[in-house]
Protein backbone atom coordinates (compact mmCIF):
# COMPACT_ATOMS: atom_id res chain seq x y z
CA MET A 1 20.13 48.77 15.40
CA PRO A 2 20.53 46.33 11.88
CA ARG A 3 20.62 42.92 11.98
CA LYS A 4 23.19 40.50 12.19
CA ALA A 5 23.47 38.86 8.24
CA SER A 6 22.23 35.36 9.89
CA GLU A 7 19.41 37.22 11.68
CA LYS A 8 18.44 38.16 8.15
CA LYS A 9 17.71 34.78 6.44
CA CYS A 10 16.83 33.15 9.60
CA ILE A 11 13.06 31.34 8.69
CA ASP A 12 10.75 29.30 10.39
CA ASP A 13 8.59 25.79 9.89
CA THR A 14 5.91 28.42 8.58
CA ASP A 15 8.56 30.07 5.97
CA LEU A 16 10.07 26.43 5.19
CA LYS A 17 6.33 24.89 4.36
CA ILE A 18 5.90 28.40 1.96
CA LEU A 19 9.29 27.85 0.41
CA SER A 20 8.63 24.20 -0.30
CA LEU A 21 5.48 25.47 -2.03
CA LEU A 22 7.16 27.90 -4.13
CA VAL A 23 9.76 25.19 -5.08
CA GLU A 24 6.74 23.36 -6.29
CA ASN A 25 5.52 25.89 -8.23
CA ALA A 26 6.77 29.06 -8.24
CA ASN A 27 3.24 30.19 -10.03
CA GLU A 28 1.34 29.30 -7.00
CA SER A 29 -0.67 31.91 -5.48
CA VAL A 30 -0.51 33.66 -2.66
CA LYS A 31 -4.47 32.52 -1.93
CA GLY A 32 -3.14 28.97 -3.09
CA ILE A 33 -0.42 29.22 -0.84
CA ALA A 34 -2.43 30.09 1.69
CA ARG A 35 -5.45 27.09 1.11
CA LYS A 36 -3.42 24.63 1.55
CA LEU A 37 -1.57 25.22 4.26
CA GLY A 38 -4.64 26.45 5.66
CA MET A 39 -3.47 29.75 6.99
CA PRO A 40 -4.67 33.53 5.93
CA VAL A 41 -3.87 35.60 2.75
CA SER A 42 -2.46 37.91 4.16
CA THR A 43 0.29 35.80 6.48
CA VAL A 44 1.08 34.19 3.14
CA PHE A 45 1.88 37.63 1.25
CA THR A 46 3.96 39.03 4.60
CA ARG A 47 5.85 36.02 5.00
CA ILE A 48 6.79 35.79 1.02
CA LYS A 49 7.39 39.70 1.19
CA ARG A 50 9.70 39.26 4.65
CA MET A 51 11.74 36.26 2.86
CA LYS A 52 11.79 38.51 -0.01
CA GLU A 53 12.88 41.56 1.55
CA ARG A 54 16.09 39.27 3.71
CA GLY A 55 17.22 37.92 0.36
CA VAL A 56 16.06 34.69 0.95
CA ILE A 57 13.75 34.45 -1.93
CA LYS A 58 15.95 35.89 -4.27
CA GLY A 59 13.08 35.26 -7.30
CA TYR A 60 11.33 33.50 -9.08
CA THR A 61 12.48 30.86 -12.12
CA ILE A 62 10.98 28.51 -14.48
CA LYS A 63 12.28 25.22 -15.07
CA VAL A 64 12.97 24.49 -19.12
CA ASP A 65 14.35 21.57 -20.67
CA PRO A 66 17.93 22.34 -22.24
CA GLN A 67 17.22 19.21 -24.86
CA ALA A 68 14.32 20.70 -25.87
CA LEU A 69 16.08 24.15 -27.11
CA GLY A 70 18.72 22.11 -29.00
CA PHE A 71 20.66 22.26 -25.22
CA MET A 72 21.97 18.43 -25.96
CA VAL A 73 25.79 18.43 -24.43
CA THR A 74 26.28 19.26 -20.44
CA ALA A 75 29.46 19.47 -19.56
CA VAL A 76 31.07 19.85 -15.83
CA ILE A 77 34.70 21.84 -16.56
CA HIS A 78 37.46 21.42 -13.80
CA PHE A 79 39.63 24.61 -14.25
CA SER A 80 43.61 24.73 -12.74
CA VAL A 81 44.71 28.66 -12.31
CA GLU A 82 46.97 30.66 -11.55
CA GLY A 83 46.51 31.78 -7.83
CA PRO A 84 46.46 35.73 -8.99
CA TYR A 85 44.18 35.37 -11.52
CA LEU A 86 41.41 33.36 -9.79
CA GLU A 87 38.57 36.34 -9.94
CA GLU A 88 39.32 37.37 -13.08
CA ILE A 89 38.95 34.00 -14.54
CA GLU A 90 35.59 33.48 -12.44
CA GLU A 91 34.39 36.66 -14.09
CA THR A 92 35.06 35.73 -17.30
CA LEU A 93 33.97 32.68 -17.34
CA LYS A 94 30.90 33.66 -15.59
CA GLY A 95 29.84 36.16 -18.53
CA HIS A 96 29.91 33.58 -21.01
CA PRO A 97 26.28 32.14 -22.13
CA SER A 98 26.92 28.74 -22.26
CA ILE A 99 28.31 28.38 -18.01
CA VAL A 100 25.02 27.45 -16.11
CA ALA A 101 26.44 26.93 -12.62
CA LEU A 102 30.04 28.04 -11.63
CA TYR A 103 32.21 27.45 -8.09
CA ASP A 104 34.91 28.22 -6.32
CA THR A 105 36.25 25.22 -4.98
CA THR A 106 39.36 23.59 -2.66
CA GLY A 107 41.05 20.64 -4.20
CA GLU A 108 43.05 19.62 -6.80
CA PHE A 109 40.84 22.14 -8.94
CA ASP A 110 40.26 26.01 -8.41
CA ILE A 111 36.92 26.30 -10.24
CA ILE A 112 34.30 24.18 -11.41
CA ALA A 113 32.05 24.84 -14.17
CA VAL A 114 28.29 23.60 -15.72
CA ALA A 115 27.97 24.56 -19.06
CA ARG A 116 25.81 23.29 -21.81
CA PHE A 117 26.42 22.94 -25.42
CA ARG A 118 24.18 22.23 -28.66
CA SER A 119 27.32 19.60 -29.48
CA ILE A 120 30.68 18.23 -29.05
CA SER A 121 32.50 20.36 -31.72
CA GLU A 122 30.66 23.78 -29.64
CA LEU A 123 32.22 22.63 -26.30
CA ASP A 124 35.58 21.45 -28.16
CA SER A 125 36.00 24.85 -29.26
CA PHE A 126 35.13 26.87 -26.15
CA ILE A 127 37.25 24.31 -24.57
CA LYS A 128 40.34 25.01 -26.98
CA SER A 129 39.77 29.38 -26.64
CA LEU A 130 39.83 29.23 -23.09
CA LEU A 131 43.11 27.42 -23.20
CA LYS A 132 44.93 29.72 -25.13
CA ASN A 133 44.70 31.69 -21.64
CA PRO A 134 47.93 31.14 -19.92
CA LYS A 135 46.22 32.11 -16.63
CA ILE A 136 44.78 28.98 -16.97
CA ARG A 137 46.67 26.10 -16.18
CA LYS A 138 45.05 23.33 -17.38
CA THR A 139 41.44 21.63 -17.49
CA THR A 140 39.34 18.30 -17.05
CA THR A 141 35.86 18.31 -19.15
CA ASN A 142 33.41 15.30 -18.03
CA VAL A 143 30.73 15.17 -20.52
CA VAL A 144 27.62 14.47 -18.99
CA LEU A 145 25.66 11.62 -20.46
CA ARG A 146 22.20 11.20 -18.73
CA VAL A 147 21.06 13.37 -16.04
CA VAL A 148 19.95 11.51 -12.86
CA LYS A 149 18.80 14.67 -10.41
CA GLU A 150 18.75 18.00 -11.13
CA GLU A 151 16.58 19.98 -9.23
CA TYR A 152 17.64 22.19 -5.91
CA PRO A 153 16.04 21.93 -3.51
CA GLY A 154 14.82 18.63 -3.32
CA ARG A 155 12.87 19.23 -0.57
CA LEU A 156 13.22 21.59 2.25
CA VAL A 157 10.50 20.66 5.32
């Protein structure tokens, strides 16, 4: 019998402890996690495998400093879009390499994007090219002056 969507992602405190260690260091070995939690390696391995199968763990990644790669400008861009074209515009934005996060939102704006650019002129060109699309009513752009905190999730347990 298939499980409900809510049951698929149900995790307990032990899973949260394992996830917390992986969030802290995605390169942590199963053996290292087991040692830190005082658990058998086989238990940790099985739990990680189950969380992958359930979609709780979607993948592993690294943290990269965007400025070290030349992306000196981070912008938060709010989009107001003609209603019937919302998903079309989201698909267009989703495919752009400068967009690092894209949100379908409530409120005054329909879409919020976080994007990184090498320069203000690159950001300017991006915005101007988008505004040529009549399906985008308007944009409001905020340039990030300083990153105070940027990580997810900060704490699971």
